[in-house]
Amino acid sequence: MGLRLPPQIKIDEIILCYHVSNPESLIAQVQLVEMTTPDHALVRHDDPTGLKSPSPQCYRSKVGEFIPTGTLTLALRLNVQHPTDQIKLGAVGVKVRSTAELYINWSR
């Protein structure tokens, strides 16, 4: 899923609200992929935490020091064990800070 974010920001975390119908099925990986040219994409964040809560829950995936300069895509690897299992996303959020704020705080 493409992420539409404002320019000049730092990404602090990805927030996924989800639940699964069967804990054997899970969200196995959360990635941020940045494309800077049409033929190059780099994985900028990779979180292999298995998300398998059968009750609604929000998970916060902490992102290291990352200021995007290209197009961002959020990639989720889903492992579905049975054809009738469901993995439901209730919401996806991105916690960001302005890079201008970072420079102001750094100079103090």
N, C-alpha and C. Protein backbone atom coordinates (compact mmCIF):
# COMPACT_ATOMS: atom_id res chain seq x y z
N MET A 1 0.85 -1.16 0.00
CA MET A 1 0.00 0.00 0.00
C MET A 1 0.90 1.22 0.00
N GLY A 2 0.63 2.14 -0.89
CA GLY A 2 1.39 3.38 -0.97
C GLY A 2 1.05 4.29 0.20
N LEU A 3 2.02 4.98 0.72
CA LEU A 3 1.81 5.91 1.83
C LEU A 3 1.91 7.34 1.34
N ARG A 4 0.86 8.10 1.52
CA ARG A 4 0.87 9.52 1.17
C ARG A 4 1.21 10.30 2.43
N LEU A 5 2.41 10.83 2.47
CA LEU A 5 2.89 11.55 3.64
C LEU A 5 3.32 12.95 3.25
N PRO A 6 3.26 13.89 4.19
CA PRO A 6 3.72 15.25 3.87
C PRO A 6 5.24 15.26 3.65
N PRO A 7 5.75 16.27 2.95
CA PRO A 7 7.20 16.35 2.73
C PRO A 7 7.92 16.76 4.01
N GLN A 8 9.21 16.50 4.02
CA GLN A 8 10.12 16.92 5.10
C GLN A 8 9.67 16.43 6.48
N ILE A 9 9.54 15.11 6.57
CA ILE A 9 9.15 14.50 7.85
C ILE A 9 10.14 13.38 8.20
N LYS A 10 10.13 13.02 9.46
CA LYS A 10 10.85 11.85 9.96
C LYS A 10 9.78 10.87 10.43
N ILE A 11 9.92 9.62 10.06
CA ILE A 11 8.96 8.60 10.47
C ILE A 11 9.43 7.98 11.78
N ASP A 12 8.57 8.01 12.80
CA ASP A 12 8.90 7.43 14.10
C ASP A 12 8.40 6.00 14.24
N GLU A 13 7.16 5.76 13.78
CA GLU A 13 6.61 4.41 13.91
C GLU A 13 5.45 4.19 12.96
N ILE A 14 5.20 2.91 12.70
CA ILE A 14 4.04 2.45 11.94
C ILE A 14 3.09 1.82 12.95
N ILE A 15 1.82 2.15 12.84
CA ILE A 15 0.82 1.61 13.77
C ILE A 15 -0.16 0.77 12.97
N LEU A 16 -0.30 -0.49 13.37
CA LEU A 16 -1.24 -1.41 12.72
C LEU A 16 -2.26 -1.89 13.74
N CYS A 17 -3.52 -1.65 13.46
CA CYS A 17 -4.60 -2.18 14.30
C CYS A 17 -5.20 -3.34 13.51
N TYR A 18 -5.27 -4.49 14.13
CA TYR A 18 -5.59 -5.71 13.40
C TYR A 18 -6.17 -6.76 14.35
N HIS A 19 -6.63 -7.85 13.79
CA HIS A 19 -6.86 -9.11 14.51
C HIS A 19 -6.96 -10.24 13.50
N VAL A 20 -6.71 -11.43 13.97
CA VAL A 20 -6.75 -12.62 13.11
C VAL A 20 -7.83 -13.57 13.61
N SER A 21 -8.40 -14.34 12.69
CA SER A 21 -9.45 -15.30 13.09
C SER A 21 -8.85 -16.57 13.69
N ASN A 22 -7.58 -16.86 13.37
CA ASN A 22 -6.90 -18.05 13.86
C ASN A 22 -5.45 -17.67 14.15
N PRO A 23 -4.97 -17.82 15.39
CA PRO A 23 -3.59 -17.41 15.72
C PRO A 23 -2.50 -18.14 14.93
N GLU A 24 -2.85 -19.20 14.21
CA GLU A 24 -1.86 -19.85 13.34
C GLU A 24 -1.59 -19.02 12.10
N SER A 25 -2.51 -18.14 11.75
CA SER A 25 -2.31 -17.20 10.65
C SER A 25 -1.87 -15.87 11.25
N LEU A 26 -0.96 -15.16 10.58
CA LEU A 26 -0.41 -13.96 11.20
C LEU A 26 0.13 -12.98 10.17
N ILE A 27 0.34 -11.75 10.64
CA ILE A 27 1.12 -10.77 9.89
C ILE A 27 2.57 -11.04 10.31
N ALA A 28 3.36 -11.56 9.40
CA ALA A 28 4.70 -12.04 9.74
C ALA A 28 5.78 -10.98 9.62
N GLN A 29 5.48 -9.89 8.90
CA GLN A 29 6.53 -8.90 8.68
C GLN A 29 5.89 -7.57 8.29
N VAL A 30 6.49 -6.48 8.78
CA VAL A 30 6.09 -5.11 8.43
C VAL A 30 7.32 -4.44 7.83
N GLN A 31 7.18 -3.92 6.60
CA GLN A 31 8.30 -3.27 5.93
C GLN A 31 7.90 -1.91 5.38
N LEU A 32 8.85 -0.99 5.37
CA LEU A 32 8.75 0.26 4.63
C LEU A 32 9.75 0.15 3.49
N VAL A 33 9.26 0.32 2.28
CA VAL A 33 10.11 0.23 1.10
C VAL A 33 10.10 1.60 0.42
N GLU A 34 11.29 2.12 0.11
CA GLU A 34 11.41 3.43 -0.52
C GLU A 34 11.93 3.27 -1.94
N MET A 35 11.21 3.89 -2.88
CA MET A 35 11.63 3.88 -4.28
C MET A 35 12.13 5.28 -4.61
N THR A 36 13.43 5.37 -4.99
CA THR A 36 14.01 6.68 -5.32
C THR A 36 14.09 6.89 -6.83
N THR A 37 14.21 5.81 -7.59
CA THR A 37 14.15 5.85 -9.05
C THR A 37 13.29 4.67 -9.50
N PRO A 38 12.78 4.70 -10.72
CA PRO A 38 11.88 3.61 -11.15
C PRO A 38 12.49 2.21 -11.09
N ASP A 39 13.80 2.11 -11.12
CA ASP A 39 14.41 0.78 -11.11
C ASP A 39 15.13 0.44 -9.81
N HIS A 40 14.94 1.24 -8.74
CA HIS A 40 15.59 0.97 -7.46
C HIS A 40 14.61 1.13 -6.30
N ALA A 41 14.56 0.11 -5.46
CA ALA A 41 13.75 0.18 -4.23
C ALA A 41 14.61 -0.38 -3.10
N LEU A 42 14.53 0.28 -1.95
CA LEU A 42 15.30 -0.14 -0.78
C LEU A 42 14.37 -0.38 0.39
N VAL A 43 14.61 -1.46 1.12
CA VAL A 43 13.87 -1.71 2.36
C VAL A 43 14.49 -0.81 3.42
N ARG A 44 13.70 0.14 3.94
CA ARG A 44 14.19 1.10 4.93
C ARG A 44 13.83 0.71 6.36
N HIS A 45 12.83 -0.17 6.50
CA HIS A 45 12.40 -0.64 7.82
C HIS A 45 11.89 -2.06 7.65
N ASP A 46 12.33 -2.95 8.53
CA ASP A 46 11.94 -4.35 8.45
C ASP A 46 11.69 -4.87 9.86
N ASP A 47 10.45 -5.16 10.18
CA ASP A 47 10.07 -5.63 11.51
C ASP A 47 9.49 -7.04 11.36
N PRO A 48 10.22 -8.07 11.83
CA PRO A 48 9.75 -9.45 11.69
C PRO A 48 8.87 -9.95 12.84
N THR A 49 8.35 -9.04 13.67
CA THR A 49 7.50 -9.46 14.79
C THR A 49 6.23 -10.10 14.27
N GLY A 50 5.92 -11.31 14.74
CA GLY A 50 4.70 -12.01 14.33
C GLY A 50 3.49 -11.44 15.05
N LEU A 51 2.54 -10.92 14.29
CA LEU A 51 1.32 -10.33 14.87
C LEU A 51 0.19 -11.33 14.68
N LYS A 52 -0.28 -11.91 15.80
CA LYS A 52 -1.27 -12.98 15.69
C LYS A 52 -2.34 -12.92 16.77
N SER A 53 -2.73 -11.73 17.17
CA SER A 53 -3.74 -11.59 18.22
C SER A 53 -5.14 -11.87 17.66
N PRO A 54 -5.90 -12.76 18.31
CA PRO A 54 -7.27 -13.02 17.86
C PRO A 54 -8.26 -11.94 18.30
N SER A 55 -7.84 -11.07 19.22
CA SER A 55 -8.71 -9.96 19.62
C SER A 55 -8.12 -8.66 19.05
N PRO A 56 -8.96 -7.66 18.76
CA PRO A 56 -8.44 -6.42 18.17
C PRO A 56 -7.32 -5.81 19.01
N GLN A 57 -6.25 -5.44 18.35
CA GLN A 57 -5.07 -4.90 19.02
C GLN A 57 -4.36 -3.96 18.07
N CYS A 58 -3.67 -2.96 18.62
CA CYS A 58 -2.83 -2.07 17.83
C CYS A 58 -1.38 -2.34 18.17
N TYR A 59 -0.57 -2.53 17.15
CA TYR A 59 0.85 -2.78 17.31
C TYR A 59 1.63 -1.59 16.77
N ARG A 60 2.64 -1.17 17.51
CA ARG A 60 3.49 -0.04 17.11
C ARG A 60 4.87 -0.57 16.71
N SER A 61 5.19 -0.41 15.46
CA SER A 61 6.48 -0.84 14.93
C SER A 61 7.40 0.38 14.89
N LYS A 62 8.38 0.41 15.78
CA LYS A 62 9.30 1.55 15.89
C LYS A 62 10.23 1.59 14.68
N VAL A 63 10.35 2.75 14.08
CA VAL A 63 11.21 2.95 12.92
C VAL A 63 12.43 3.72 13.39
N GLY A 64 13.61 3.30 12.95
CA GLY A 64 14.85 4.00 13.32
C GLY A 64 14.91 5.37 12.66
N GLU A 65 16.00 6.06 12.81
CA GLU A 65 16.17 7.40 12.24
C GLU A 65 16.01 7.32 10.71
N PHE A 66 14.85 7.73 10.22
CA PHE A 66 14.58 7.62 8.79
C PHE A 66 13.80 8.84 8.30
N ILE A 67 14.40 9.54 7.36
CA ILE A 67 13.75 10.67 6.70
C ILE A 67 13.61 10.28 5.23
N PRO A 68 12.40 10.01 4.77
CA PRO A 68 12.22 9.55 3.40
C PRO A 68 12.52 10.63 2.37
N THR A 69 13.08 10.20 1.25
CA THR A 69 13.34 11.11 0.14
C THR A 69 12.66 10.65 -1.14
N GLY A 70 12.06 9.47 -1.12
CA GLY A 70 11.39 8.92 -2.31
C GLY A 70 9.98 8.46 -1.96
N THR A 71 9.40 7.72 -2.88
CA THR A 71 8.06 7.18 -2.71
C THR A 71 8.09 6.01 -1.73
N LEU A 72 7.15 5.99 -0.77
CA LEU A 72 7.13 4.94 0.25
C LEU A 72 5.96 3.99 0.04
N THR A 73 6.24 2.71 0.29
CA THR A 73 5.23 1.67 0.27
C THR A 73 5.31 0.91 1.58
N LEU A 74 4.15 0.65 2.17
CA LEU A 74 4.08 -0.21 3.35
C LEU A 74 3.78 -1.61 2.85
N ALA A 75 4.64 -2.56 3.21
CA ALA A 75 4.47 -3.95 2.78
C ALA A 75 4.24 -4.82 4.02
N LEU A 76 3.23 -5.66 3.96
CA LEU A 76 2.94 -6.61 5.03
C LEU A 76 3.04 -8.02 4.46
N ARG A 77 3.80 -8.88 5.12
CA ARG A 77 3.83 -10.28 4.71
C ARG A 77 2.83 -11.03 5.56
N LEU A 78 1.86 -11.64 4.92
CA LEU A 78 0.81 -12.38 5.61
C LEU A 78 1.05 -13.88 5.44
N ASN A 79 0.97 -14.61 6.53
CA ASN A 79 1.02 -16.07 6.50
C ASN A 79 -0.36 -16.59 6.87
N VAL A 80 -1.06 -17.14 5.89
CA VAL A 80 -2.40 -17.66 6.11
C VAL A 80 -2.33 -19.18 6.08
N GLN A 81 -2.73 -19.81 7.19
CA GLN A 81 -2.59 -21.26 7.32
C GLN A 81 -3.75 -22.05 6.71
N HIS A 82 -4.96 -21.51 6.79
CA HIS A 82 -6.14 -22.22 6.30
C HIS A 82 -6.94 -21.30 5.38
N PRO A 83 -7.56 -21.84 4.34
CA PRO A 83 -8.30 -21.00 3.38
C PRO A 83 -9.41 -20.16 4.00
N THR A 84 -9.95 -20.58 5.13
CA THR A 84 -11.04 -19.83 5.76
C THR A 84 -10.54 -18.80 6.79
N ASP A 85 -9.24 -18.80 7.09
CA ASP A 85 -8.69 -17.83 8.05
C ASP A 85 -8.78 -16.41 7.49
N GLN A 86 -8.92 -15.45 8.40
CA GLN A 86 -8.98 -14.05 8.01
C GLN A 86 -7.98 -13.24 8.84
N ILE A 87 -7.33 -12.30 8.18
CA ILE A 87 -6.47 -11.31 8.84
C ILE A 87 -7.09 -9.96 8.51
N LYS A 88 -7.58 -9.27 9.53
CA LYS A 88 -8.30 -8.02 9.31
C LYS A 88 -7.50 -6.84 9.83
N LEU A 89 -7.36 -5.82 8.98
CA LEU A 89 -6.73 -4.56 9.38
C LEU A 89 -7.84 -3.57 9.69
N GLY A 90 -7.81 -3.02 10.90
CA GLY A 90 -8.79 -2.02 11.28
C GLY A 90 -8.32 -0.63 10.94
N ALA A 91 -7.02 -0.38 11.07
CA ALA A 91 -6.45 0.93 10.77
C ALA A 91 -4.95 0.80 10.60
N VAL A 92 -4.41 1.72 9.82
CA VAL A 92 -2.97 1.81 9.64
C VAL A 92 -2.60 3.28 9.87
N GLY A 93 -1.62 3.51 10.73
CA GLY A 93 -1.20 4.87 11.02
C GLY A 93 0.30 5.01 10.90
N VAL A 94 0.75 6.23 10.69
CA VAL A 94 2.17 6.54 10.63
C VAL A 94 2.42 7.74 11.53
N LYS A 95 3.27 7.55 12.54
CA LYS A 95 3.62 8.65 13.44
C LYS A 95 4.84 9.34 12.86
N VAL A 96 4.70 10.65 12.59
CA VAL A 96 5.78 11.42 11.96
C VAL A 96 6.08 12.68 12.76
N ARG A 97 7.25 13.24 12.49
CA ARG A 97 7.65 14.55 13.04
C ARG A 97 8.21 15.38 11.89
N SER A 98 8.05 16.66 11.98
CA SER A 98 8.61 17.56 10.98
C SER A 98 10.13 17.58 11.12
N THR A 99 10.84 17.58 10.01
CA THR A 99 12.30 17.68 10.09
C THR A 99 12.71 19.06 10.59
N ALA A 100 11.89 20.08 10.37
CA ALA A 100 12.18 21.41 10.91
C ALA A 100 12.23 21.36 12.43
N GLU A 101 11.32 20.60 13.03
CA GLU A 101 11.30 20.42 14.49
C GLU A 101 12.59 19.75 14.95
N LEU A 102 13.08 18.78 14.19
CA LEU A 102 14.31 18.09 14.56
C LEU A 102 15.49 19.07 14.59
N TYR A 103 15.58 19.95 13.60
CA TYR A 103 16.69 20.91 13.55
C TYR A 103 16.59 21.92 14.68
N ILE A 104 15.38 22.34 15.02
CA ILE A 104 15.19 23.28 16.13
C ILE A 104 15.65 22.63 17.44
N ASN A 105 15.21 21.37 17.67
CA ASN A 105 15.59 20.68 18.91
C ASN A 105 17.08 20.40 18.96
N TRP A 106 17.70 20.10 17.81
CA TRP A 106 19.10 19.77 17.77
C TRP A 106 19.96 20.98 18.14
N SER A 107 19.51 22.18 17.79
CA SER A 107 20.35 23.36 18.01
C SER A 107 20.32 23.86 19.44
N ARG A 108 19.48 23.30 20.27
CA ARG A 108 19.39 23.78 21.67
C ARG A 108 20.51 23.27 22.50
